[in-house]
Amino acid sequence: MVISLSNLTRLVDRLEAAGLVARERDSEDRRGAFAVLTPHARELRARMWKVYGRAIDELFDRHLTADETAALRASLLRVIAAARC
C-alpha cells in the first residue's frame, strides 16, 4: 500500500472499531501485527462480490487471455509472498 504508517494505523483502528478486522500478533515478531478479517467482514465481502466481481470482469478479465490471467495471478502471488517475508 502507498500510505503512511500513521494513516494505516488510523485506518485499521477504524476498521477494527467497525468490527471488520481484528489485530493478531505476529508469532515470530511480537512487535508486529496482522489485520485479519472478521467473520462479519467475510460475510460482507461475499455480499459485495456480486458488484465487484462484475466490475473486475468488465475492467480486467474480459481484456486478458487465459494465459495472461494465469501469468498475472502468478505474478501477484509472488508479490504477496515477498510482502509476507
PDB file of N, CA and C in Angstrom:
ATOM      1  N   MET A   1       0.845  -1.184   0.000  1.00  0.00           N
ATOM      2  CA  MET A   1       0.000   0.000   0.000  1.00  0.00           C
ATOM      3  C   MET A   1       0.882   1.237   0.000  1.00  0.00           C
ATOM      4  N   VAL A   2       0.426   2.248  -0.671  1.00  0.00           N
ATOM      5  CA  VAL A   2       1.135   3.513  -0.658  1.00  0.00           C
ATOM      6  C   VAL A   2       0.377   4.421   0.307  1.00  0.00           C
ATOM      7  N   ILE A   3       0.719   4.263   1.586  1.00  0.00           N
ATOM      8  CA  ILE A   3       0.046   5.004   2.646  1.00  0.00           C
ATOM      9  C   ILE A   3       1.031   5.106   3.809  1.00  0.00           C
ATOM     10  N   SER A   4       1.005   6.223   4.497  1.00  0.00           N
ATOM     11  CA  SER A   4       1.927   6.378   5.621  1.00  0.00           C
ATOM     12  C   SER A   4       1.531   5.429   6.754  1.00  0.00           C
ATOM     13  N   LEU A   5       2.498   5.101   7.583  1.00  0.00           N
ATOM     14  CA  LEU A   5       2.248   4.192   8.698  1.00  0.00           C
ATOM     15  C   LEU A   5       1.181   4.749   9.641  1.00  0.00           C
ATOM     16  N   SER A   6       1.226   6.045   9.891  1.00  0.00           N
ATOM     17  CA  SER A   6       0.224   6.628  10.795  1.00  0.00           C
ATOM     18  C   SER A   6      -1.177   6.570  10.190  1.00  0.00           C
ATOM     19  N   ASN A   7      -1.286   6.804   8.891  1.00  0.00           N
ATOM     20  CA  ASN A   7      -2.596   6.715   8.237  1.00  0.00           C
ATOM     21  C   ASN A   7      -3.089   5.268   8.205  1.00  0.00           C
ATOM     22  N   LEU A   8      -2.164   4.328   8.000  1.00  0.00           N
ATOM     23  CA  LEU A   8      -2.541   2.920   8.005  1.00  0.00           C
ATOM     24  C   LEU A   8      -3.049   2.509   9.385  1.00  0.00           C
ATOM     25  N   THR A   9      -2.366   2.956  10.425  1.00  0.00           N
ATOM     26  CA  THR A   9      -2.798   2.645  11.791  1.00  0.00           C
ATOM     27  C   THR A   9      -4.191   3.192  12.058  1.00  0.00           C
ATOM     28  N   ARG A  10      -4.436   4.422  11.640  1.00  0.00           N
ATOM     29  CA  ARG A  10      -5.773   5.016  11.842  1.00  0.00           C
ATOM     30  C   ARG A  10      -6.838   4.268  11.039  1.00  0.00           C
ATOM     31  N   LEU A  11      -6.498   3.846   9.828  1.00  0.00           N
ATOM     32  CA  LEU A  11      -7.441   3.079   9.016  1.00  0.00           C
ATOM     33  C   LEU A  11      -7.778   1.757   9.694  1.00  0.00           C
ATOM     34  N   VAL A  12      -6.764   1.042  10.173  1.00  0.00           N
ATOM     35  CA  VAL A  12      -7.009  -0.233  10.855  1.00  0.00           C
ATOM     36  C   VAL A  12      -7.810   0.012  12.137  1.00  0.00           C
ATOM     37  N   ASP A  13      -7.528   1.092  12.842  1.00  0.00           N
ATOM     38  CA  ASP A  13      -8.320   1.438  14.034  1.00  0.00           C
ATOM     39  C   ASP A  13      -9.799   1.569  13.681  1.00  0.00           C
ATOM     40  N   ARG A  14     -10.082   2.264  12.574  1.00  0.00           N
ATOM     41  CA  ARG A  14     -11.488   2.457  12.158  1.00  0.00           C
ATOM     42  C   ARG A  14     -12.124   1.129  11.734  1.00  0.00           C
ATOM     43  N   LEU A  15     -11.385   0.312  10.997  1.00  0.00           N
ATOM     44  CA  LEU A  15     -11.908  -0.989  10.582  1.00  0.00           C
ATOM     45  C   LEU A  15     -12.154  -1.886  11.787  1.00  0.00           C
ATOM     46  N   GLU A  16     -11.261  -1.815  12.766  1.00  0.00           N
ATOM     47  CA  GLU A  16     -11.430  -2.615  13.980  1.00  0.00           C
ATOM     48  C   GLU A  16     -12.651  -2.134  14.769  1.00  0.00           C
ATOM     49  N   ALA A  17     -12.825  -0.826  14.872  1.00  0.00           N
ATOM     50  CA  ALA A  17     -13.982  -0.269  15.578  1.00  0.00           C
ATOM     51  C   ALA A  17     -15.292  -0.663  14.904  1.00  0.00           C
ATOM     52  N   ALA A  18     -15.254  -0.837  13.584  1.00  0.00           N
ATOM     53  CA  ALA A  18     -16.443  -1.237  12.829  1.00  0.00           C
ATOM     54  C   ALA A  18     -16.670  -2.746  12.863  1.00  0.00           C
ATOM     55  N   GLY A  19     -15.762  -3.472  13.502  1.00  0.00           N
ATOM     56  CA  GLY A  19     -15.909  -4.919  13.600  1.00  0.00           C
ATOM     57  C   GLY A  19     -15.513  -5.671  12.341  1.00  0.00           C
ATOM     58  N   LEU A  20     -14.699  -5.038  11.491  1.00  0.00           N
ATOM     59  CA  LEU A  20     -14.334  -5.660  10.222  1.00  0.00           C
ATOM     60  C   LEU A  20     -12.980  -6.361  10.262  1.00  0.00           C
ATOM     61  N   VAL A  21     -12.095  -5.931  11.153  1.00  0.00           N
ATOM     62  CA  VAL A  21     -10.805  -6.594  11.311  1.00  0.00           C
ATOM     63  C   VAL A  21     -10.496  -6.770  12.794  1.00  0.00           C
ATOM     64  N   ALA A  22      -9.628  -7.724  13.060  1.00  0.00           N
ATOM     65  CA  ALA A  22      -9.084  -7.925  14.403  1.00  0.00           C
ATOM     66  C   ALA A  22      -7.575  -7.968  14.256  1.00  0.00           C
ATOM     67  N   ARG A  23      -6.879  -7.385  15.204  1.00  0.00           N
ATOM     68  CA  ARG A  23      -5.413  -7.426  15.173  1.00  0.00           C
ATOM     69  C   ARG A  23      -4.939  -8.744  15.779  1.00  0.00           C
ATOM     70  N   GLU A  24      -4.027  -9.402  15.068  1.00  0.00           N
ATOM     71  CA  GLU A  24      -3.405 -10.624  15.580  1.00  0.00           C
ATOM     72  C   GLU A  24      -1.902 -10.415  15.575  1.00  0.00           C
ATOM     73  N   ARG A  25      -1.268 -10.704  16.686  1.00  0.00           N
ATOM     74  CA  ARG A  25       0.181 -10.536  16.815  1.00  0.00           C
ATOM     75  C   ARG A  25       0.926 -11.505  15.904  1.00  0.00           C
ATOM     76  N   ASP A  26       2.030 -11.035  15.355  1.00  0.00           N
ATOM     77  CA  ASP A  26       2.920 -11.873  14.559  1.00  0.00           C
ATOM     78  C   ASP A  26       3.629 -12.822  15.513  1.00  0.00           C
ATOM     79  N   SER A  27       3.515 -14.112  15.283  1.00  0.00           N
ATOM     80  CA  SER A  27       4.108 -15.096  16.190  1.00  0.00           C
ATOM     81  C   SER A  27       5.633 -15.055  16.184  1.00  0.00           C
ATOM     82  N   GLU A  28       6.234 -14.571  15.104  1.00  0.00           N
ATOM     83  CA  GLU A  28       7.693 -14.530  15.013  1.00  0.00           C
ATOM     84  C   GLU A  28       8.272 -13.209  15.505  1.00  0.00           C
ATOM     85  N   ASP A  29       7.521 -12.140  15.388  1.00  0.00           N
ATOM     86  CA  ASP A  29       7.984 -10.815  15.814  1.00  0.00           C
ATOM     87  C   ASP A  29       6.845 -10.154  16.561  1.00  0.00           C
ATOM     88  N   ARG A  30       6.850 -10.251  17.867  1.00  0.00           N
ATOM     89  CA  ARG A  30       5.723  -9.780  18.684  1.00  0.00           C
ATOM     90  C   ARG A  30       5.487  -8.278  18.570  1.00  0.00           C
ATOM     91  N   ARG A  31       6.416  -7.553  17.959  1.00  0.00           N
ATOM     92  CA  ARG A  31       6.196  -6.111  17.775  1.00  0.00           C
ATOM     93  C   ARG A  31       5.193  -5.857  16.652  1.00  0.00           C
ATOM     94  N   GLY A  32       5.073  -6.807  15.739  1.00  0.00           N
ATOM     95  CA  GLY A  32       4.209  -6.631  14.581  1.00  0.00           C
ATOM     96  C   GLY A  32       2.853  -7.268  14.790  1.00  0.00           C
ATOM     97  N   ALA A  33       1.921  -6.898  13.944  1.00  0.00           N
ATOM     98  CA  ALA A  33       0.578  -7.459  13.998  1.00  0.00           C
ATOM     99  C   ALA A  33       0.008  -7.518  12.587  1.00  0.00           C
ATOM    100  N   PHE A  34      -0.973  -8.390  12.424  1.00  0.00           N
ATOM    101  CA  PHE A  34      -1.695  -8.517  11.166  1.00  0.00           C
ATOM    102  C   PHE A  34      -3.125  -8.066  11.399  1.00  0.00           C
ATOM    103  N   ALA A  35      -3.722  -7.430  10.416  1.00  0.00           N
ATOM    104  CA  ALA A  35      -5.149  -7.102  10.453  1.00  0.00           C
ATOM    105  C   ALA A  35      -5.867  -8.241   9.737  1.00  0.00           C
ATOM    106  N   VAL A  36      -6.677  -8.983  10.480  1.00  0.00           N
ATOM    107  CA  VAL A  36      -7.339 -10.180   9.967  1.00  0.00           C
ATOM    108  C   VAL A  36      -8.834  -9.913   9.845  1.00  0.00           C
ATOM    109  N   LEU A  37      -9.408 -10.281   8.700  1.00  0.00           N
ATOM    110  CA  LEU A  37     -10.845 -10.087   8.508  1.00  0.00           C
ATOM    111  C   LEU A  37     -11.645 -10.881   9.535  1.00  0.00           C
ATOM    112  N   THR A  38     -12.671 -10.257  10.069  1.00  0.00           N
ATOM    113  CA  THR A  38     -13.576 -10.940  10.990  1.00  0.00           C
ATOM    114  C   THR A  38     -14.621 -11.715  10.182  1.00  0.00           C
ATOM    115  N   PRO A  39     -15.343 -12.620  10.838  1.00  0.00           N
ATOM    116  CA  PRO A  39     -16.425 -13.311  10.124  1.00  0.00           C
ATOM    117  C   PRO A  39     -17.438 -12.332   9.517  1.00  0.00           C
ATOM    118  N   HIS A  40     -17.736 -11.251  10.233  1.00  0.00           N
ATOM    119  CA  HIS A  40     -18.660 -10.233   9.706  1.00  0.00           C
ATOM    120  C   HIS A  40     -18.110  -9.636   8.404  1.00  0.00           C
ATOM    121  N   ALA A  41     -16.808  -9.343   8.373  1.00  0.00           N
ATOM    122  CA  ALA A  41     -16.194  -8.771   7.170  1.00  0.00           C
ATOM    123  C   ALA A  41     -16.219  -9.769   6.021  1.00  0.00           C
ATOM    124  N   ARG A  42     -15.991 -11.045   6.318  1.00  0.00           N
ATOM    125  CA  ARG A  42     -16.024 -12.066   5.268  1.00  0.00           C
ATOM    126  C   ARG A  42     -17.428 -12.180   4.668  1.00  0.00           C
ATOM    127  N   GLU A  43     -18.442 -12.085   5.518  1.00  0.00           N
ATOM    128  CA  GLU A  43     -19.826 -12.120   5.039  1.00  0.00           C
ATOM    129  C   GLU A  43     -20.116 -10.904   4.163  1.00  0.00           C
ATOM    130  N   LEU A  44     -19.679  -9.744   4.612  1.00  0.00           N
ATOM    131  CA  LEU A  44     -19.878  -8.511   3.849  1.00  0.00           C
ATOM    132  C   LEU A  44     -19.167  -8.589   2.504  1.00  0.00           C
ATOM    133  N   ARG A  45     -17.945  -9.114   2.500  1.00  0.00           N
ATOM    134  CA  ARG A  45     -17.188  -9.261   1.255  1.00  0.00           C
ATOM    135  C   ARG A  45     -17.919 -10.184   0.282  1.00  0.00           C
ATOM    136  N   ALA A  46     -18.488 -11.263   0.792  1.00  0.00           N
ATOM    137  CA  ALA A  46     -19.229 -12.190  -0.076  1.00  0.00           C
ATOM    138  C   ALA A  46     -20.437 -11.506  -0.700  1.00  0.00           C
ATOM    139  N   ARG A  47     -21.129 -10.689   0.078  1.00  0.00           N
ATOM    140  CA  ARG A  47     -22.294  -9.968  -0.471  1.00  0.00           C
ATOM    141  C   ARG A  47     -21.869  -8.917  -1.481  1.00  0.00           C
ATOM    142  N   MET A  48     -20.741  -8.263  -1.229  1.00  0.00           N
ATOM    143  CA  MET A  48     -20.261  -7.213  -2.131  1.00  0.00           C
ATOM    144  C   MET A  48     -19.736  -7.781  -3.443  1.00  0.00           C
ATOM    145  N   TRP A  49     -19.340  -9.067  -3.436  1.00  0.00           N
ATOM    146  CA  TRP A  49     -18.711  -9.648  -4.613  1.00  0.00           C
ATOM    147  C   TRP A  49     -19.606  -9.595  -5.840  1.00  0.00           C
ATOM    148  N   LYS A  50     -20.918  -9.606  -5.641  1.00  0.00           N
ATOM    149  CA  LYS A  50     -21.825  -9.536  -6.789  1.00  0.00           C
ATOM    150  C   LYS A  50     -21.568  -8.275  -7.609  1.00  0.00           C
ATOM    151  N   VAL A  51     -21.276  -7.175  -6.936  1.00  0.00           N
ATOM    152  CA  VAL A  51     -20.993  -5.905  -7.613  1.00  0.00           C
ATOM    153  C   VAL A  51     -19.547  -5.868  -8.085  1.00  0.00           C
ATOM    154  N   TYR A  52     -18.610  -6.150  -7.174  1.00  0.00           N
ATOM    155  CA  TYR A  52     -17.197  -6.044  -7.519  1.00  0.00           C
ATOM    156  C   TYR A  52     -16.774  -7.084  -8.544  1.00  0.00           C
ATOM    157  N   GLY A  53     -17.336  -8.264  -8.483  1.00  0.00           N
ATOM    158  CA  GLY A  53     -16.999  -9.300  -9.451  1.00  0.00           C
ATOM    159  C   GLY A  53     -17.314  -8.863 -10.871  1.00  0.00           C
ATOM    160  N   ARG A  54     -18.463  -8.236 -11.050  1.00  0.00           N
ATOM    161  CA  ARG A  54     -18.824  -7.736 -12.384  1.00  0.00           C
ATOM    162  C   ARG A  54     -17.868  -6.637 -12.838  1.00  0.00           C
ATOM    163  N   ALA A  55     -17.501  -5.741 -11.918  1.00  0.00           N
ATOM    164  CA  ALA A  55     -16.591  -4.650 -12.275  1.00  0.00           C
ATOM    165  C   ALA A  55     -15.210  -5.185 -12.638  1.00  0.00           C
ATOM    166  N   ILE A  56     -14.715  -6.161 -11.892  1.00  0.00           N
ATOM    167  CA  ILE A  56     -13.408  -6.753 -12.193  1.00  0.00           C
ATOM    168  C   ILE A  56     -13.435  -7.427 -13.552  1.00  0.00           C
ATOM    169  N   ASP A  57     -14.530  -8.120 -13.843  1.00  0.00           N
ATOM    170  CA  ASP A  57     -14.655  -8.753 -15.158  1.00  0.00           C
ATOM    171  C   ASP A  57     -14.650  -7.703 -16.258  1.00  0.00           C
ATOM    172  N   GLU A  58     -15.423  -6.643 -16.073  1.00  0.00           N
ATOM    173  CA  GLU A  58     -15.543  -5.602 -17.092  1.00  0.00           C
ATOM    174  C   GLU A  58     -14.227  -4.863 -17.311  1.00  0.00           C
ATOM    175  N   LEU A  59     -13.514  -4.565 -16.234  1.00  0.00           N
ATOM    176  CA  LEU A  59     -12.316  -3.741 -16.347  1.00  0.00           C
ATOM    177  C   LEU A  59     -11.043  -4.541 -16.614  1.00  0.00           C
ATOM    178  N   PHE A  60     -11.015  -5.824 -16.221  1.00  0.00           N
ATOM    179  CA  PHE A  60      -9.788  -6.599 -16.329  1.00  0.00           C
ATOM    180  C   PHE A  60      -9.967  -7.906 -17.104  1.00  0.00           C
ATOM    181  N   ASP A  61     -10.727  -8.820 -16.531  1.00  0.00           N
ATOM    182  CA  ASP A  61     -10.793 -10.185 -17.051  1.00  0.00           C
ATOM    183  C   ASP A  61     -11.125 -10.268 -18.533  1.00  0.00           C
ATOM    184  N   ARG A  62     -12.077  -9.530 -18.974  1.00  0.00           N
ATOM    185  CA  ARG A  62     -12.505  -9.677 -20.373  1.00  0.00           C
ATOM    186  C   ARG A  62     -11.446  -9.222 -21.365  1.00  0.00           C
ATOM    187  N   HIS A  63     -10.427  -8.490 -20.889  1.00  0.00           N
ATOM    188  CA  HIS A  63      -9.375  -7.990 -21.763  1.00  0.00           C
ATOM    189  C   HIS A  63      -8.135  -8.878 -21.777  1.00  0.00           C
ATOM    190  N   LEU A  64      -8.149  -9.953 -20.989  1.00  0.00           N
ATOM    191  CA  LEU A  64      -6.984 -10.825 -20.886  1.00  0.00           C
ATOM    192  C   LEU A  64      -7.324 -12.234 -21.365  1.00  0.00           C
ATOM    193  N   THR A  65      -6.328 -12.869 -21.975  1.00  0.00           N
ATOM    194  CA  THR A  65      -6.493 -14.274 -22.332  1.00  0.00           C
ATOM    195  C   THR A  65      -6.331 -15.115 -21.064  1.00  0.00           C
ATOM    196  N   ALA A  66      -6.656 -16.391 -21.169  1.00  0.00           N
ATOM    197  CA  ALA A  66      -6.482 -17.288 -20.022  1.00  0.00           C
ATOM    198  C   ALA A  66      -5.012 -17.340 -19.601  1.00  0.00           C
ATOM    199  N   ASP A  67      -4.098 -17.357 -20.568  1.00  0.00           N
ATOM    200  CA  ASP A  67      -2.670 -17.376 -20.247  1.00  0.00           C
ATOM    201  C   ASP A  67      -2.233 -16.090 -19.563  1.00  0.00           C
ATOM    202  N   GLU A  68      -2.738 -14.958 -20.023  1.00  0.00           N
ATOM    203  CA  GLU A  68      -2.390 -13.682 -19.400  1.00  0.00           C
ATOM    204  C   GLU A  68      -2.938 -13.602 -17.974  1.00  0.00           C
ATOM    205  N   THR A  69      -4.135 -14.102 -17.779  1.00  0.00           N
ATOM    206  CA  THR A  69      -4.724 -14.124 -16.436  1.00  0.00           C
ATOM    207  C   THR A  69      -3.890 -14.991 -15.502  1.00  0.00           C
ATOM    208  N   ALA A  70      -3.462 -16.142 -15.978  1.00  0.00           N
ATOM    209  CA  ALA A  70      -2.630 -17.039 -15.167  1.00  0.00           C
ATOM    210  C   ALA A  70      -1.295 -16.385 -14.830  1.00  0.00           C
ATOM    211  N   ALA A  71      -0.699 -15.705 -15.790  1.00  0.00           N
ATOM    212  CA  ALA A  71       0.583 -15.035 -15.560  1.00  0.00           C
ATOM    213  C   ALA A  71       0.427 -13.896 -14.553  1.00  0.00           C
ATOM    214  N   LEU A  72      -0.646 -13.132 -14.677  1.00  0.00           N
ATOM    215  CA  LEU A  72      -0.900 -12.039 -13.742  1.00  0.00           C
ATOM    216  C   LEU A  72      -1.114 -12.582 -12.338  1.00  0.00           C
ATOM    217  N   ARG A  73      -1.882 -13.643 -12.240  1.00  0.00           N
ATOM    218  CA  ARG A  73      -2.141 -14.259 -10.929  1.00  0.00           C
ATOM    219  C   ARG A  73      -0.847 -14.750 -10.298  1.00  0.00           C
ATOM    220  N   ALA A  74      -0.023 -15.418 -11.071  1.00  0.00           N
ATOM    221  CA  ALA A  74       1.253 -15.921 -10.557  1.00  0.00           C
ATOM    222  C   ALA A  74       2.145 -14.768 -10.097  1.00  0.00           C
ATOM    223  N   SER A  75       2.170 -13.699 -10.871  1.00  0.00           N
ATOM    224  CA  SER A  75       2.984 -12.535 -10.506  1.00  0.00           C
ATOM    225  C   SER A  75       2.507 -11.913  -9.202  1.00  0.00           C
ATOM    226  N   LEU A  76       1.203 -11.740  -9.062  1.00  0.00           N
ATOM    227  CA  LEU A  76       0.660 -11.138  -7.844  1.00  0.00           C
ATOM    228  C   LEU A  76       0.882 -12.038  -6.636  1.00  0.00           C
ATOM    229  N   LEU A  77       0.790 -13.343  -6.812  1.00  0.00           N
ATOM    230  CA  LEU A  77       1.057 -14.260  -5.704  1.00  0.00           C
ATOM    231  C   LEU A  77       2.516 -14.173  -5.252  1.00  0.00           C
ATOM    232  N   ARG A  78       3.445 -13.958  -6.187  1.00  0.00           N
ATOM    233  CA  ARG A  78       4.845 -13.782  -5.808  1.00  0.00           C
ATOM    234  C   ARG A  78       5.027 -12.492  -5.012  1.00  0.00           C
ATOM    235  N   VAL A  79       4.343 -11.435  -5.412  1.00  0.00           N
ATOM    236  CA  VAL A  79       4.431 -10.158  -4.688  1.00  0.00           C
ATOM    237  C   VAL A  79       3.870 -10.329  -3.276  1.00  0.00           C
ATOM    238  N   ILE A  80       2.752 -11.020  -3.148  1.00  0.00           N
ATOM    239  CA  ILE A  80       2.161 -11.253  -1.828  1.00  0.00           C
ATOM    240  C   ILE A  80       3.109 -12.073  -0.963  1.00  0.00           C
ATOM    241  N   ALA A  81       3.691 -13.110  -1.527  1.00  0.00           N
ATOM    242  CA  ALA A  81       4.624 -13.950  -0.772  1.00  0.00           C
ATOM    243  C   ALA A  81       5.834 -13.140  -0.306  1.00  0.00           C
ATOM    244  N   ALA A  82       6.344 -12.274  -1.161  1.00  0.00           N
ATOM    245  CA  ALA A  82       7.501 -11.446  -0.795  1.00  0.00           C
ATOM    246  C   ALA A  82       7.138 -10.455   0.305  1.00  0.00           C
ATOM    247  N   ALA A  83       5.916  -9.947   0.282  1.00  0.00           N
ATOM    248  CA  ALA A  83       5.483  -8.991   1.301  1.00  0.00           C
ATOM    249  C   ALA A  83       5.365  -9.644   2.667  1.00  0.00           C
ATOM    250  N   ARG A  84       5.153 -10.932   2.707  1.00  0.00           N
ATOM    251  CA  ARG A  84       4.997 -11.659   3.975  1.00  0.00           C
ATOM    252  C   ARG A  84       6.336 -12.033   4.599  1.00  0.00           C
ATOM    253  N   CYS A  85       7.434 -11.855   3.864  1.00  0.00           N
ATOM    254  CA  CYS A  85       8.763 -12.228   4.392  1.00  0.00           C
ATOM    255  C   CYS A  85       9.248 -11.239   5.413  1.00  0.00           C
TER     256      CYS A  85
END
